[in-house]
Amino acid sequence: MECVFGLVGKDFTLVVADTSAVHSILVHKSNEDKIMLLDSHKLMGASGEAGDRVQFTEYIQKNVALYQFRNGISLTTAAAANFTRGELATALRKNPYSVNILLAGYDKETGPSLYYIDYIASVHKVDKAAFGYGSYFSLAMMDRHYRGDMTVEEAVDLADKCIMEIRSRLVVAPPNFVIKIVDKDGAREYAWRESVKDVPVPAA
């Protein structure tokens, strides 16, 4: 019952993801961070099979860092999205990854942006997007309340509305969510929305 969603505000992009690591009927942990820091001004929120999600997002992160190391400049958000799309398209014909991605970034020239990249390697620049079962409710809430000139506080309030809707309507709702933001000051974790904390396993 994964859920990743994001939106573009006035001068920032916000990404929210659930933090549950689930397989079949088992919950392995409830504090898995599914939003990866690609570089100082890019975030990648991902959903899908746990192995594919971790392997592919780490692969993209390391290649973005390698490009910067080799060339001395960072990829723009659009370039990173198209590189990610290209790698998914290549894998699609060999050994496909079951992973859906929201790539958020901030560039000095173009400002904040959000790219929707699905598991069959289609890419779209969007103002708001969502993946997973929670997308049915988060997209409905964003359709109702989203504005392009939202402040950070308004966007976080909308994210909270989406989270509450998911928790109240989804049969098996993820308990915890993480919110991250990228703007001119960089990409960073903004807040957690917790209803359950992982209980430490007692020593044997």
Protein backbone atom coordinates (compact mmCIF):
# COMPACT_ATOMS: atom_id res chain seq x y z
CA MET A 1 0.00 0.00 0.00
CA GLU A 2 2.73 2.43 -0.99
CA CYS A 3 2.21 6.11 -1.60
CA VAL A 4 4.55 8.76 -3.01
CA PHE A 5 3.28 12.18 -4.05
CA GLY A 6 4.68 15.60 -4.78
CA LEU A 7 3.82 19.13 -5.90
CA VAL A 8 5.50 22.28 -7.16
CA GLY A 9 4.97 25.46 -5.15
CA LYS A 10 5.90 29.09 -5.69
CA ASP A 11 9.68 28.61 -5.40
CA PHE A 12 10.10 25.03 -4.15
CA THR A 13 9.11 21.44 -4.79
CA LEU A 14 7.74 19.17 -2.06
CA VAL A 15 7.84 15.35 -2.06
CA VAL A 16 6.07 13.05 0.42
CA ALA A 17 6.46 9.28 0.78
CA ASP A 18 5.25 6.59 3.14
CA THR A 19 7.98 4.85 5.15
CA SER A 20 6.69 1.26 5.25
CA ALA A 21 8.81 -1.64 3.98
CA VAL A 22 6.22 -4.31 3.19
CA HIS A 23 6.34 -7.73 1.55
CA SER A 24 3.12 -9.66 1.04
CA ILE A 25 1.34 -9.63 4.42
CA LEU A 26 4.49 -8.73 6.39
CA VAL A 27 5.61 -5.27 7.51
CA HIS A 28 9.39 -5.38 7.87
CA LYS A 29 9.83 -1.82 9.13
CA SER A 30 7.95 1.46 9.29
CA ASN A 31 10.82 3.95 9.02
CA GLU A 32 12.17 3.26 5.51
CA ASP A 33 13.15 6.52 3.78
CA LYS A 34 11.97 6.28 0.15
CA ILE A 35 13.06 9.80 -0.86
CA MET A 36 16.71 9.80 -1.89
CA LEU A 37 18.97 12.85 -2.07
CA LEU A 38 20.45 12.80 -5.59
CA ASP A 39 22.61 15.88 -5.03
CA SER A 40 22.40 19.21 -3.22
CA HIS A 41 19.33 20.35 -5.21
CA LYS A 42 17.57 17.16 -6.31
CA LEU A 43 15.28 14.62 -4.65
CA MET A 44 14.07 11.27 -5.96
CA GLY A 45 10.95 9.74 -4.41
CA ALA A 46 10.40 6.13 -5.48
CA SER A 47 7.85 3.37 -5.09
CA GLY A 48 7.86 -0.23 -6.26
CA GLU A 49 9.47 -3.55 -5.40
CA ALA A 50 11.90 -2.93 -2.55
CA GLY A 51 14.93 -4.48 -4.25
CA ASP A 52 14.35 -2.69 -7.54
CA ARG A 53 13.64 0.59 -5.78
CA VAL A 54 16.83 0.57 -3.72
CA GLN A 55 19.09 -0.77 -6.48
CA PHE A 56 17.85 1.58 -9.20
CA THR A 57 17.73 4.77 -7.11
CA GLU A 58 21.26 4.13 -5.78
CA TYR A 59 22.45 3.48 -9.34
CA ILE A 60 21.01 6.83 -10.51
CA GLN A 61 22.41 8.65 -7.46
CA LYS A 62 25.95 7.34 -8.07
CA ASN A 63 25.81 8.14 -11.80
CA VAL A 64 24.63 11.69 -11.15
CA ALA A 65 27.57 12.08 -8.73
CA LEU A 66 29.94 10.52 -11.30
CA TYR A 67 28.82 13.00 -13.98
CA GLN A 68 29.48 15.91 -11.63
CA PHE A 69 32.90 14.48 -10.67
CA ARG A 70 33.94 13.98 -14.30
CA ASN A 71 32.61 17.24 -15.73
CA GLY A 72 32.75 19.66 -12.82
CA ILE A 73 29.10 20.69 -13.23
CA SER A 74 25.83 19.23 -11.98
CA LEU A 75 23.11 17.84 -14.21
CA THR A 76 20.02 20.01 -14.42
CA THR A 77 16.80 18.49 -13.11
CA ALA A 78 15.55 17.97 -16.68
CA ALA A 79 18.80 16.26 -17.66
CA ALA A 80 18.68 14.00 -14.59
CA ALA A 81 15.06 13.09 -15.41
CA ASN A 82 15.95 12.22 -19.00
CA PHE A 83 18.98 10.21 -17.90
CA THR A 84 16.77 8.29 -15.46
CA ARG A 85 14.20 7.72 -18.18
CA GLY A 86 16.92 6.45 -20.54
CA GLU A 87 18.23 3.96 -18.00
CA LEU A 88 14.71 2.66 -17.33
CA ALA A 89 14.08 2.33 -21.08
CA THR A 90 17.32 0.37 -21.54
CA ALA A 91 16.47 -1.93 -18.63
CA LEU A 92 12.93 -2.39 -19.97
CA ARG A 93 14.32 -4.37 -22.89
CA LYS A 94 16.65 -6.50 -20.75
CA ASN A 95 15.75 -6.85 -17.08
CA PRO A 96 13.04 -4.28 -16.20
CA TYR A 97 12.88 -2.46 -12.88
CA SER A 98 9.50 -2.34 -11.16
CA VAL A 99 9.93 1.21 -9.89
CA ASN A 100 8.03 4.50 -10.27
CA ILE A 101 9.79 7.79 -9.62
CA LEU A 102 9.05 11.41 -8.79
CA LEU A 103 12.17 13.48 -9.44
CA ALA A 104 12.14 16.94 -7.88
CA GLY A 105 14.74 19.63 -8.23
CA TYR A 106 15.59 23.30 -8.23
CA ASP A 107 17.69 25.02 -10.93
CA LYS A 108 18.85 28.65 -10.85
CA GLU A 109 17.72 29.26 -14.43
CA THR A 110 14.32 27.53 -14.39
CA GLY A 111 13.36 27.33 -10.70
CA PRO A 112 11.54 24.35 -9.13
CA SER A 113 10.36 21.39 -11.18
CA LEU A 114 8.85 17.93 -10.77
CA TYR A 115 9.13 14.99 -13.18
CA TYR A 116 6.87 11.95 -13.27
CA ILE A 117 8.75 8.82 -14.45
CA ASP A 118 6.93 5.48 -14.44
CA TYR A 119 8.19 1.90 -14.70
CA ILE A 120 7.70 1.75 -18.48
CA ALA A 121 10.03 4.74 -18.94
CA SER A 122 7.64 7.56 -19.76
CA VAL A 123 8.58 10.97 -18.40
CA HIS A 124 6.43 14.08 -17.95
CA LYS A 125 7.08 17.43 -16.32
CA VAL A 126 4.14 18.04 -13.99
CA ASP A 127 2.91 20.38 -11.25
CA LYS A 128 1.60 17.57 -9.06
CA ALA A 129 1.78 13.79 -9.20
CA ALA A 130 1.38 10.62 -7.15
CA PHE A 131 2.10 6.88 -7.27
CA GLY A 132 0.67 3.95 -5.34
CA TYR A 133 -2.72 3.13 -3.87
CA GLY A 134 -2.68 6.38 -1.92
CA SER A 135 -2.57 8.28 -5.21
CA TYR A 136 -6.35 7.88 -5.61
CA PHE A 137 -6.89 10.09 -2.55
CA SER A 138 -3.85 12.37 -2.70
CA LEU A 139 -4.51 13.30 -6.36
CA ALA A 140 -8.15 14.04 -5.53
CA MET A 141 -7.09 16.32 -2.65
CA MET A 142 -4.49 18.07 -4.81
CA ASP A 143 -6.98 18.55 -7.64
CA ARG A 144 -9.26 20.28 -5.14
CA HIS A 145 -6.78 22.41 -3.20
CA TYR A 146 -3.58 22.80 -5.28
CA ARG A 147 -2.43 26.23 -6.50
CA GLY A 148 0.76 27.04 -8.36
CA ASP A 149 1.65 29.94 -6.03
CA MET A 150 1.43 28.00 -2.74
CA THR A 151 3.84 28.84 0.07
CA VAL A 152 5.75 26.11 1.92
CA GLU A 153 3.29 26.27 4.83
CA GLU A 154 0.29 25.93 2.51
CA ALA A 155 1.91 23.01 0.65
CA VAL A 156 2.73 21.19 3.88
CA ASP A 157 -0.84 21.77 5.06
CA LEU A 158 -2.10 20.23 1.80
CA ALA A 159 0.31 17.29 2.26
CA ASP A 160 -1.13 16.77 5.74
CA LYS A 161 -4.65 16.76 4.27
CA CYS A 162 -3.56 14.10 1.78
CA ILE A 163 -1.97 12.01 4.53
CA MET A 164 -5.10 12.22 6.69
CA GLU A 165 -7.27 11.23 3.72
CA ILE A 166 -5.03 8.24 2.97
CA ARG A 167 -5.07 7.14 6.61
CA SER A 168 -8.85 7.44 6.87
CA ARG A 169 -9.80 5.80 3.55
CA LEU A 170 -7.14 3.26 2.59
CA VAL A 171 -7.89 -0.23 3.94
CA VAL A 172 -4.29 -0.86 4.99
CA ALA A 173 -2.84 2.64 5.32
CA PRO A 174 0.88 3.30 5.90
CA PRO A 175 1.34 4.69 9.42
CA ASN A 176 4.31 7.01 8.83
CA PHE A 177 5.28 9.55 6.16
CA VAL A 178 8.35 11.68 5.47
CA ILE A 179 8.19 15.13 3.86
CA LYS A 180 11.16 16.61 1.99
CA ILE A 181 11.59 19.94 0.21
CA VAL A 182 14.00 21.31 -2.40
CA ASP A 183 14.38 25.03 -3.10
CA LYS A 184 17.14 27.58 -3.75
CA ASP A 185 18.71 26.65 -0.40
CA GLY A 186 18.98 22.97 -1.33
CA ALA A 187 17.24 19.67 -0.73
CA ARG A 188 16.42 18.72 2.85
CA GLU A 189 14.14 16.75 5.09
CA TYR A 190 11.28 18.91 6.33
CA ALA A 191 9.26 16.73 8.72
CA TRP A 192 7.95 13.27 9.61
CA ARG A 193 4.32 12.44 10.17
CA GLU A 194 4.37 9.50 12.56
CA SER A 195 1.59 7.45 14.07
CA VAL A 196 3.68 4.35 14.86
CA LYS A 197 7.36 4.12 15.75
CA ASP A 198 9.51 1.06 15.24
CA VAL A 199 9.94 -0.87 18.49
CA PRO A 200 13.58 -1.83 19.06
CA VAL A 201 14.18 -5.58 18.89
CA PRO A 202 15.38 -6.89 22.28
CA ALA A 203 18.83 -8.46 22.34
CA ALA A 204 18.87 -12.25 22.36
